[in-house]
């Protein structure tokens, strides 16, 4: 009796266990179906247009020529004729130094010259008398030689005194400060009454910029990007003073001198800019976008489309391939060429995307071309299997928990090896 009771209990336990297991399986299937039904494809349209690869950089707006006007003589500033933003012409008087000591130096040099000339006259007459006496046998040869030497020394003294006078006059002329170029005064470093000393270095009195209607930008380009920069390329830039306005320029020079800051190597690129309305001022910071490569009228898709693969895709059921010939199917398989260089070229050229057709993903093998940080140019392997306006899948959206697949944006961000540009 007890044996029958135990067997009955065991049967009930087994039955209950089977029931619970069945319920759990049904519940899991329902949840799975619910998830699948609540998932949607995240898509973006295949676009046709231009694709640009651009480099971003920063630089400083400056005039083509910026001249620091100094003085070669020391003295006190007696008068100033220009101020900040004054327009000046080449040779225009802009400042004066007190000429008192310089004028005195000129007069002293002139007196020294007169003295040397008088001494030259005396030695000339003495040399002539000594020669006459020597001819009559009344003077020795030594006396004649000494008189001739004194005369030659007097002539040399005249040349030296004349040079000193010229130097004094030049220094006096340096007291008159004139503009070396035609332009605008952008800086004034002195005031009337200030003493400037030119003993060791030339002090800067003014800074004058040439024609401000023609400006240039000194842009700092990273060494990783400098190889793509060429003379004649177009550049766009903005300045903080006019954030809603875009300016244009042209690359005019790529300097070979490297600049290293914290182990980061960069090169200076000069960009010529027209400034007819004079809104660009010296020293402004320019945020530059430099177009280095362009592709016109191409099909392009977000980079995220190349990364996306439907869950569980094995290239068999559930996903239809574009086209029916075997060559398109072989494009999706791993190449088995022995030549490593050809294999690398194939991998770079071959890719696949999934377009949405009847709410189902459809594989389309494509050739990739130019790319930037957001898009890549693509071309279908088969005629007409990829067209503008088709929806390409870039990820999944789950409606249950409002989360998305790793491709948060249709652009998907930059891929490894892609330029750090927009």
Protein backbone atom coordinates (compact mmCIF):
# COMPACT_ATOMS: atom_id res chain seq x y z
CA UNK A 1 0.00 0.00 0.00
CA UNK A 2 2.79 2.33 0.91
CA UNK A 3 4.65 1.46 -2.32
CA UNK A 4 1.60 2.41 -4.42
CA UNK A 5 1.26 5.71 -2.53
CA UNK A 6 4.89 6.63 -3.16
CA UNK A 7 4.60 5.85 -6.86
CA UNK A 8 1.49 8.00 -7.10
CA UNK A 9 3.25 10.92 -5.45
CA UNK A 10 6.19 10.59 -7.83
CA UNK A 11 3.86 10.59 -10.85
CA UNK A 12 2.17 13.76 -9.59
CA UNK A 13 5.54 15.47 -9.11
CA UNK A 14 6.67 14.52 -12.61
CA UNK A 15 3.42 15.75 -14.12
CA UNK A 16 3.62 19.06 -12.23
CA UNK A 17 7.27 19.51 -13.29
CA UNK A 18 6.41 18.89 -16.92
CA UNK A 19 3.53 21.37 -16.74
CA UNK A 20 5.73 24.08 -15.23
CA UNK A 21 8.39 23.47 -17.85
CA UNK A 22 5.84 23.74 -20.63
CA UNK A 23 4.45 26.96 -19.23
CA UNK A 24 7.96 28.44 -19.00
CA UNK A 25 8.75 27.49 -22.60
CA UNK A 26 5.50 29.01 -23.85
CA UNK A 27 6.19 32.20 -21.86
CA UNK A 28 9.69 32.50 -23.33
CA UNK A 29 8.37 32.00 -26.85
CA UNK A 30 5.74 34.67 -26.29
CA UNK A 31 8.37 37.11 -24.99
CA UNK A 32 10.63 36.36 -27.95
CA UNK A 33 7.82 36.90 -30.42
CA UNK A 34 6.88 40.10 -28.63
CA UNK A 35 10.46 41.37 -28.89
CA UNK A 36 10.70 40.49 -32.53
CA UNK A 37 7.41 42.14 -33.30
CA UNK A 38 8.41 45.28 -31.41
CA UNK A 39 11.80 45.68 -33.16
CA UNK A 40 12.04 47.97 -36.17
CA UNK A 41 14.75 48.67 -38.69
CA UNK A 42 16.67 51.91 -38.35
CA UNK A 43 17.12 53.22 -41.90
CA UNK A 44 18.57 56.06 -43.91
CA UNK A 45 18.05 56.94 -47.56
CA UNK A 46 20.66 56.33 -50.23
CA UNK A 47 21.63 59.81 -51.40
CA UNK A 48 23.10 61.05 -54.67
CA UNK A 49 25.27 64.12 -54.72
CA UNK A 50 28.74 65.43 -53.97
CA UNK A 51 31.01 63.94 -51.29
CA UNK A 52 33.80 66.01 -49.78
CA UNK A 53 36.75 64.99 -47.60
CA UNK A 54 37.68 67.94 -45.43
CA UNK A 55 40.34 68.81 -42.88
CA UNK A 56 39.56 71.07 -39.94
CA UNK A 57 42.18 73.32 -38.40
CA UNK A 58 42.62 76.64 -36.67
CA UNK A 59 44.77 79.61 -37.54
CA UNK A 60 45.36 83.32 -37.10
CA UNK A 61 44.31 86.09 -39.49
CA UNK A 62 47.15 88.50 -40.28
CA UNK A 63 48.06 91.05 -42.95
CA UNK A 64 50.45 89.94 -45.69
CA UNK A 65 53.08 92.35 -44.35
CA UNK A 66 53.37 93.56 -40.76
CA UNK A 67 56.29 95.97 -40.24
CA UNK A 68 57.72 96.95 -36.85
CA UNK A 69 58.98 100.54 -37.12
CA UNK A 70 61.87 101.33 -34.79
CA UNK A 71 64.69 103.82 -34.32
CA UNK A 72 68.42 103.36 -34.81
CA UNK A 73 69.37 106.20 -32.44
CA UNK A 74 68.58 106.87 -28.81
CA UNK A 75 66.66 109.90 -27.70
CA UNK A 76 63.46 111.37 -26.32
CA UNK A 77 60.20 111.32 -28.29
CA UNK A 78 59.41 114.97 -28.97
CA UNK A 79 56.41 114.64 -31.29
CA UNK A 80 54.04 111.92 -32.57
CA UNK A 81 52.00 112.53 -35.70
CA UNK A 82 49.95 109.29 -35.96
CA UNK A 83 47.89 107.11 -33.64
CA UNK A 84 46.20 103.71 -33.66
CA UNK A 85 44.31 102.97 -36.92
CA UNK A 86 45.92 105.93 -38.69
CA UNK A 87 46.40 105.42 -42.41
CA UNK A 88 49.90 106.35 -43.55
CA UNK A 89 51.77 106.50 -46.85
CA UNK A 90 55.29 105.38 -47.56
CA UNK A 91 57.75 108.09 -46.44
CA UNK A 92 55.19 109.95 -44.32
CA UNK A 93 56.50 111.58 -41.12
CA UNK A 94 55.11 109.74 -38.12
CA UNK A 95 57.33 110.77 -35.17
CA UNK A 96 60.30 112.95 -34.15
CA UNK A 97 63.09 112.44 -31.62
CA UNK A 98 64.65 115.37 -29.78
CA UNK A 99 67.55 116.31 -32.10
CA UNK A 100 69.54 118.45 -29.61
CA UNK A 101 72.41 116.04 -28.99
CA UNK A 102 72.39 114.75 -32.56
CA UNK A 103 72.65 118.30 -33.93
CA UNK A 104 75.54 118.99 -31.56
CA UNK A 105 77.27 115.86 -32.86
CA UNK A 106 76.92 117.18 -36.41
CA UNK A 107 78.47 120.53 -35.47
CA UNK A 108 81.32 118.81 -33.65
CA UNK A 109 82.03 116.61 -36.68
CA UNK A 110 81.95 119.66 -38.94
CA UNK A 111 84.50 121.42 -36.69
CA UNK A 112 86.73 118.36 -36.76
CA UNK A 113 86.57 118.38 -40.55
CA UNK A 114 87.57 122.06 -40.67
CA UNK A 115 90.48 121.35 -38.36
CA UNK A 116 91.62 118.44 -40.52
CA UNK A 117 91.41 120.61 -43.64
CA UNK A 118 93.52 123.31 -41.99
CA UNK A 119 96.09 120.75 -40.96
CA UNK A 120 96.15 119.41 -44.50
CA UNK A 121 96.84 122.91 -45.87
CA UNK A 122 99.72 123.37 -43.43
CA UNK A 123 101.35 120.06 -44.20
CA UNK A 124 100.95 120.66 -47.92
CA UNK A 125 102.88 123.95 -47.75
CA UNK A 126 105.51 122.43 -45.47
CA UNK A 127 106.05 119.55 -47.88
CA UNK A 128 106.45 122.02 -50.77
CA UNK A 129 109.07 124.14 -48.87
CA UNK A 130 111.03 121.07 -47.85
CA UNK A 131 111.17 119.87 -51.45
CA UNK A 132 112.51 123.25 -52.62
CA UNK A 133 115.21 123.19 -49.94
CA UNK A 134 116.08 119.61 -50.84
CA UNK A 135 116.46 120.58 -54.50
CA UNK A 136 118.96 123.30 -53.45
CA UNK A 137 120.82 120.86 -51.22
CA UNK A 138 119.78 122.67 -48.07
CA UNK A 139 117.52 119.88 -46.61
CA UNK A 140 118.19 116.25 -45.92
CA UNK A 141 116.31 113.37 -47.50
CA UNK A 142 114.83 112.49 -44.09
CA UNK A 143 113.27 115.95 -43.80
CA UNK A 144 111.70 115.58 -47.23
CA UNK A 145 110.28 112.13 -46.40
CA UNK A 146 108.84 113.37 -43.09
CA UNK A 147 107.13 116.32 -44.76
CA UNK A 148 105.56 114.05 -47.41
CA UNK A 149 104.32 111.62 -44.75
CA UNK A 150 102.77 114.46 -42.73
CA UNK A 151 100.95 115.63 -45.83
CA UNK A 152 99.51 112.16 -46.59
CA UNK A 153 98.38 111.78 -42.94
CA UNK A 154 96.62 115.13 -43.10
CA UNK A 155 94.73 114.04 -46.21
CA UNK A 156 93.65 110.81 -44.47
CA UNK A 157 92.50 112.83 -41.46
CA UNK A 158 90.30 114.87 -43.74
CA UNK A 159 88.64 111.69 -45.09
CA UNK A 160 88.04 110.43 -41.55
CA UNK A 161 86.58 113.75 -40.41
CA UNK A 162 84.32 113.86 -43.45
CA UNK A 163 83.05 110.32 -42.70
CA UNK A 164 82.36 111.31 -39.10
CA UNK A 165 80.37 114.28 -40.32
CA UNK A 166 78.36 112.10 -42.68
CA UNK A 167 77.64 109.66 -39.84
CA UNK A 168 76.47 112.48 -37.59
CA UNK A 169 74.16 113.80 -40.30
CA UNK A 170 72.70 110.33 -40.86
CA UNK A 171 72.04 109.93 -37.14
CA UNK A 172 70.36 113.31 -37.15
CA UNK A 173 68.15 112.13 -40.04
CA UNK A 174 67.25 109.02 -38.02
CA UNK A 175 65.62 111.34 -35.49
CA UNK A 176 62.88 111.81 -38.08
CA UNK A 177 60.77 108.61 -38.10
CA UNK A 178 59.02 107.92 -41.40
CA UNK A 179 56.70 105.12 -42.48
CA UNK A 180 58.49 102.46 -44.55
CA UNK A 181 55.28 101.25 -46.23
CA UNK A 182 51.78 102.38 -47.07
CA UNK A 183 49.31 100.90 -44.62
CA UNK A 184 47.55 101.26 -41.27
CA UNK A 185 49.07 101.75 -37.83
CA UNK A 186 47.91 98.79 -35.76
CA UNK A 187 50.10 99.42 -32.70
CA UNK A 188 51.82 102.38 -31.02
CA UNK A 189 54.29 101.63 -28.24
CA UNK A 190 55.55 105.11 -27.29
CA UNK A 191 54.27 108.44 -26.03
CA UNK A 192 55.63 111.98 -26.18
CA UNK A 193 58.42 112.47 -23.64
CA UNK A 194 59.37 108.80 -23.50
CA UNK A 195 63.06 108.00 -23.86
CA UNK A 196 64.05 105.20 -26.20
CA UNK A 197 67.46 103.52 -26.07
CA UNK A 198 68.90 101.89 -29.16
CA UNK A 199 72.17 100.82 -27.58
CA UNK A 200 71.62 97.03 -27.67
CA UNK A 201 68.52 96.47 -29.81
CA UNK A 202 66.20 98.54 -31.96
CA UNK A 203 63.11 99.55 -29.97
CA UNK A 204 59.76 99.18 -31.73
CA UNK A 205 57.81 102.45 -31.87
CA UNK A 206 54.95 101.50 -34.22
CA UNK A 207 53.59 98.43 -35.98
CA UNK A 208 52.20 99.10 -39.43
CA UNK A 209 50.16 96.66 -41.53
CA UNK A 210 50.02 96.91 -45.28
CA UNK A 211 46.80 96.67 -47.33
CA UNK A 212 44.16 95.17 -45.01
CA UNK A 213 41.92 94.30 -47.95
CA UNK A 214 44.29 91.38 -48.62
CA UNK A 215 44.77 89.16 -45.57
CA UNK A 216 46.31 85.75 -44.97
CA UNK A 217 45.75 82.98 -42.43
CA UNK A 218 48.54 81.02 -40.80
CA UNK A 219 46.90 77.63 -40.26
CA UNK A 220 48.47 74.83 -38.23
CA UNK A 221 47.91 71.44 -39.94
CA UNK A 222 48.66 68.12 -38.23
CA UNK A 223 51.36 65.95 -39.81
CA UNK A 224 48.79 63.20 -40.43
CA UNK A 225 46.87 65.53 -42.77
CA UNK A 226 49.57 67.69 -44.33
CA UNK A 227 50.14 65.20 -47.17
CA UNK A 228 46.67 65.97 -48.55
CA UNK A 229 47.12 69.75 -48.57
CA UNK A 230 48.05 71.23 -51.96
CA UNK A 231 48.58 74.76 -53.22
CA UNK A 232 45.43 76.13 -54.83
CA UNK A 233 42.94 74.19 -52.70
CA UNK A 234 39.88 76.08 -51.48
CA UNK A 235 39.28 76.76 -47.81
CA UNK A 236 36.28 77.92 -45.80
CA UNK A 237 36.53 79.48 -42.38
CA UNK A 238 34.63 81.37 -39.74
CA UNK A 239 35.72 83.78 -37.03
CA UNK A 240 34.17 84.24 -33.62
CA UNK A 241 33.24 87.84 -34.40
CA UNK A 242 30.91 86.69 -37.23
CA UNK A 243 29.79 83.14 -36.33
CA UNK A 244 26.98 83.14 -38.92
CA UNK A 245 29.18 84.25 -41.80
CA UNK A 246 31.47 82.02 -43.84
CA UNK A 247 34.62 83.31 -45.56
CA UNK A 248 36.66 81.70 -48.32
CA UNK A 249 40.35 81.57 -49.17
CA UNK A 250 42.97 79.73 -51.22
CA UNK A 251 46.04 77.80 -50.06
CA UNK A 252 49.09 79.76 -51.25
CA UNK A 253 51.99 78.11 -49.39
CA UNK A 254 52.83 74.96 -47.45
CA UNK A 255 55.85 75.69 -45.29
CA UNK A 256 58.42 72.96 -44.77
CA UNK A 257 59.42 74.07 -41.28
CA UNK A 258 57.82 71.73 -38.68
CA UNK A 259 56.53 72.87 -35.31
CA UNK A 260 56.57 70.41 -32.38
CA UNK A 261 54.42 71.04 -29.31
CA UNK A 262 54.19 68.26 -26.69
CA UNK A 263 55.44 65.70 -29.24
CA UNK A 264 52.75 66.76 -31.74
CA UNK A 265 54.21 67.79 -35.11
CA UNK A 266 52.37 70.30 -37.28
CA UNK A 267 53.11 72.44 -40.32
CA UNK A 268 52.13 75.99 -41.18
CA UNK A 269 49.90 76.49 -44.22
CA UNK A 270 49.31 79.99 -45.59
CA UNK A 271 45.83 80.80 -46.92
CA UNK A 272 45.20 84.00 -48.91
CA UNK A 273 41.92 85.76 -48.15
CA UNK A 274 40.19 88.75 -49.73
CA UNK A 275 38.89 91.29 -47.20
CA UNK A 276 37.22 94.02 -49.28
CA UNK A 277 34.89 95.21 -46.50
CA UNK A 278 37.71 95.13 -43.87
CA UNK A 279 35.67 93.04 -41.43
CA UNK A 280 38.60 90.69 -40.79
CA UNK A 281 41.02 92.18 -38.29
CA UNK A 282 44.63 91.19 -37.55
CA UNK A 283 44.91 88.54 -34.85
CA UNK A 284 41.44 87.00 -35.27
CA UNK A 285 41.21 83.24 -34.77
CA UNK A 286 39.93 81.39 -37.84
CA UNK A 287 38.19 78.00 -37.70
CA UNK A 288 39.16 76.49 -41.03
CA UNK A 289 37.64 73.74 -43.15
CA UNK A 290 39.94 72.70 -45.97
CA UNK A 291 38.50 70.66 -48.86
CA UNK A 292 41.17 68.12 -49.87
CA UNK A 293 39.19 65.59 -51.98
CA UNK A 294 35.87 65.71 -53.82
CA UNK A 295 33.61 63.26 -55.62
CA UNK A 296 30.76 64.63 -57.71
CA UNK A 297 27.34 63.10 -58.36
CA UNK A 298 27.90 59.79 -56.55
CA UNK A 299 25.68 57.49 -54.50
CA UNK A 300 26.51 57.73 -50.82
CA UNK A 301 25.34 55.98 -47.66
CA UNK A 302 26.12 56.47 -43.96
CA UNK A 303 29.21 54.63 -42.73
CA UNK A 304 26.99 52.78 -40.24
CA UNK A 305 25.36 50.94 -43.16
CA UNK A 306 28.64 49.15 -43.88
CA UNK A 307 28.94 47.99 -40.27
CA UNK A 308 25.40 46.65 -39.87
CA UNK A 309 24.57 42.95 -40.26
CA UNK A 310 21.12 41.53 -39.33
CA UNK A 311 21.13 39.29 -36.29
CA UNK A 312 21.68 35.63 -37.20
CA UNK A 313 22.48 36.38 -40.84
CA UNK A 314 24.46 33.54 -42.42
CA UNK A 315 23.89 34.39 -46.04
CA UNK A 316 21.12 31.74 -46.38
CA UNK A 317 17.47 31.91 -45.41
CA UNK A 318 15.58 34.97 -44.27
CA UNK A 319 17.65 37.41 -46.30
CA UNK A 320 17.42 37.75 -50.06
CA UNK A 321 20.51 38.66 -52.08
CA UNK A 322 20.50 41.30 -54.80
CA UNK A 323 20.77 39.62 -58.17
CA UNK A 324 20.80 35.98 -59.09
CA UNK A 325 24.12 35.33 -60.79
CA UNK A 326 26.98 33.60 -58.98
CA UNK A 327 29.45 36.47 -59.38
CA UNK A 328 27.47 38.70 -57.02
CA UNK A 329 27.28 35.93 -54.45
CA UNK A 330 31.01 35.34 -54.65
CA UNK A 331 31.58 39.01 -53.82
CA UNK A 332 30.32 38.34 -50.29
CA UNK A 333 32.70 35.44 -49.63
CA UNK A 334 36.21 35.74 -48.30
CA UNK A 335 38.77 35.92 -51.12
CA UNK A 336 41.28 33.08 -51.33
CA UNK A 337 43.89 34.79 -53.55
CA UNK A 338 47.50 34.02 -52.74
CA UNK A 339 48.57 37.55 -53.53
CA UNK A 340 48.30 39.57 -50.32
CA UNK A 341 48.31 42.89 -52.13
CA UNK A 342 45.40 41.91 -54.38
CA UNK A 343 43.54 40.58 -51.33
CA UNK A 344 43.97 43.87 -49.50
CA UNK A 345 42.75 45.81 -52.53
CA UNK A 346 39.68 43.56 -52.81
CA UNK A 347 38.83 44.00 -49.14
CA UNK A 348 39.12 47.75 -49.45
CA UNK A 349 37.01 47.83 -52.60
CA UNK A 350 34.38 45.25 -51.59
CA UNK A 351 31.61 45.76 -49.02
CA UNK A 352 27.95 44.96 -48.51
CA UNK A 353 24.94 46.83 -47.26
CA UNK A 354 21.34 45.85 -46.53
CA UNK A 355 18.47 47.75 -48.07
CA UNK A 356 14.89 47.51 -46.79
CA UNK A 357 12.50 45.91 -49.25
CA UNK A 358 8.98 44.82 -48.21
CA UNK A 359 10.08 45.36 -44.58
CA UNK A 360 12.80 42.73 -45.03
CA UNK A 361 16.56 43.24 -45.32
CA UNK A 362 18.05 42.60 -48.74
CA UNK A 363 21.79 42.19 -49.18
CA UNK A 364 23.44 44.40 -51.81
CA UNK A 365 27.18 43.95 -52.54
CA UNK A 366 28.81 47.29 -53.31
CA UNK A 367 32.10 48.87 -54.24
CA UNK A 368 33.24 51.61 -51.88
CA UNK A 369 34.92 54.84 -52.91
CA UNK A 370 35.75 58.15 -51.28
CA UNK A 371 34.66 58.51 -47.66
CA UNK A 372 34.65 61.06 -44.87
CA UNK A 373 33.64 60.89 -41.22
CA UNK A 374 29.93 60.56 -42.07
CA UNK A 375 29.37 59.03 -45.52
CA UNK A 376 31.00 56.73 -48.03
CA UNK A 377 30.55 56.68 -51.80
CA UNK A 378 29.21 53.32 -53.02
CA UNK A 379 28.51 51.68 -56.35
CA UNK A 380 26.46 48.53 -56.87
CA UNK A 381 28.14 45.53 -58.46
CA UNK A 382 25.04 44.81 -60.53
CA UNK A 383 23.38 47.26 -62.88
CA UNK A 384 20.50 48.97 -61.10
CA UNK A 385 20.72 47.04 -57.83
CA UNK A 386 21.36 50.28 -55.91
CA UNK A 387 19.53 53.52 -56.56
CA UNK A 388 19.09 56.88 -54.87
CA UNK A 389 16.14 57.00 -52.48
CA UNK A 390 16.31 53.37 -51.38
CA UNK A 391 16.29 52.79 -47.63
CA UNK A 392 19.52 51.33 -46.32
CA UNK A 393 19.54 49.70 -42.86
CA UNK A 394 21.93 51.23 -40.32
CA UNK A 395 20.65 49.57 -37.11
CA UNK A 396 17.69 48.42 -35.03
CA UNK A 397 15.22 50.24 -32.79
CA UNK A 398 13.66 48.33 -29.89
CA UNK A 399 10.29 49.75 -28.93
CA UNK A 400 10.05 47.89 -25.60
CA UNK A 401 12.91 49.58 -23.78
CA UNK A 402 13.39 52.52 -26.20
CA UNK A 403 17.02 51.58 -26.82
CA UNK A 404 18.75 51.38 -30.16
CA UNK A 405 21.44 49.27 -31.66
CA UNK A 406 25.08 50.47 -31.43
CA UNK A 407 24.53 52.72 -34.44
CA UNK A 408 23.01 55.62 -32.51
CA UNK A 409 23.20 57.93 -35.53
CA UNK A 410 22.67 57.22 -39.21
CA UNK A 411 26.12 58.69 -39.77
CA UNK A 412 27.64 56.16 -37.40
CA UNK A 413 30.83 58.14 -36.73
CA UNK A 414 34.21 57.60 -38.31
CA UNK A 415 35.57 54.19 -39.18
CA UNK A 416 39.11 53.03 -38.45
CA UNK A 417 41.49 54.51 -40.94
CA UNK A 418 39.07 57.25 -41.95
CA UNK A 419 40.20 60.90 -41.78
CA UNK A 420 39.34 62.85 -38.68
CA UNK A 421 37.26 65.28 -40.66
CA UNK A 422 33.73 66.28 -41.37
